[in-house]
Amino acid sequence: MFARFPRALQSERVLTFGLGTQAKADTVEIQWPSGQVDQLSNVNARQTVTIEAGKGIVGARPYGPPSQ
């Protein structure tokens, strides 16, 4: 899966994808506009993660409807 964003874009960039019945993604590869490539392993499903170039996952929260 590829997502391309203009280099000058300053807003939050979100990519959402499904894993079907899988409980995790074996590998997630990100190619940053700088050309740097980060690889993450065993990323659990059903969550929203925040990823920073060179640092990997810096935050995570469960994915789903808001709590009431």
Protein backbone atom coordinates (compact mmCIF):
# COMPACT_ATOMS: atom_id res chain seq x y z
CA MET A 1 0.00 0.00 0.00
CA PHE A 2 1.36 3.39 -0.94
CA ALA A 3 0.30 6.87 0.14
CA ARG A 4 1.80 9.95 -1.40
CA PHE A 5 1.54 13.40 0.15
CA PRO A 6 2.87 16.73 -1.11
CA ARG A 7 6.12 17.68 0.62
CA ALA A 8 4.68 21.01 1.78
CA LEU A 9 1.65 19.43 3.44
CA GLN A 10 1.62 20.43 7.11
CA SER A 11 -1.56 18.76 8.34
CA GLU A 12 -1.84 15.35 9.94
CA ARG A 13 -1.27 12.50 7.50
CA VAL A 14 -3.37 9.44 8.19
CA LEU A 15 -3.27 6.15 6.34
CA THR A 16 -5.91 3.60 7.31
CA PHE A 17 -5.76 0.02 6.10
CA GLY A 18 -7.38 -3.25 7.08
CA LEU A 19 -5.73 -6.51 7.96
CA GLY A 20 -8.74 -8.76 7.47
CA THR A 21 -8.71 -11.44 10.15
CA GLN A 22 -5.03 -10.95 10.98
CA ALA A 23 -4.19 -9.84 14.53
CA LYS A 24 -1.05 -7.99 13.44
CA ALA A 25 0.91 -6.72 10.47
CA ASP A 26 4.13 -8.69 10.14
CA THR A 27 5.94 -5.72 8.59
CA VAL A 28 5.08 -2.08 7.96
CA GLU A 29 7.53 -0.17 5.78
CA ILE A 30 7.48 3.62 5.55
CA GLN A 31 9.44 5.57 2.97
CA TRP A 32 9.63 9.17 4.17
CA PRO A 33 9.86 12.16 1.79
CA SER A 34 13.54 12.49 2.82
CA GLY A 35 14.16 9.03 1.35
CA GLN A 36 14.66 7.44 4.78
CA VAL A 37 12.99 4.06 5.16
CA ASP A 38 11.73 2.72 8.49
CA GLN A 39 10.55 -0.86 9.01
CA LEU A 40 8.28 -1.85 11.88
CA SER A 41 7.65 -5.47 12.83
CA ASN A 42 4.71 -7.22 14.48
CA VAL A 43 2.42 -4.18 14.61
CA ASN A 44 -0.82 -5.11 16.36
CA ALA A 45 -4.15 -4.56 14.61
CA ARG A 46 -7.10 -2.50 15.93
CA GLN A 47 -5.04 0.51 16.91
CA THR A 48 -4.02 3.91 15.64
CA VAL A 49 -0.27 4.46 15.86
CA THR A 50 1.82 7.61 15.61
CA ILE A 51 5.11 7.06 13.83
CA GLU A 52 8.05 9.47 13.60
CA ALA A 53 10.86 9.14 11.11
CA GLY A 54 13.84 7.41 12.69
CA LYS A 55 11.98 6.76 15.95
CA GLY A 56 9.31 4.25 14.98
CA ILE A 57 6.06 4.09 16.95
CA VAL A 58 5.90 6.96 19.43
CA GLY A 59 2.25 6.59 20.41
CA ALA A 60 -0.67 4.21 20.11
CA ARG A 61 -4.35 4.16 21.00
CA PRO A 62 -7.08 1.57 20.46
CA TYR A 63 -9.00 1.91 17.22
CA GLY A 64 -12.74 1.93 17.46
CA PRO A 65 -15.78 4.05 18.15
CA PRO A 66 -15.35 6.83 20.73
CA SER A 67 -16.23 6.02 24.33
CA GLN A 68 -19.57 7.33 25.52
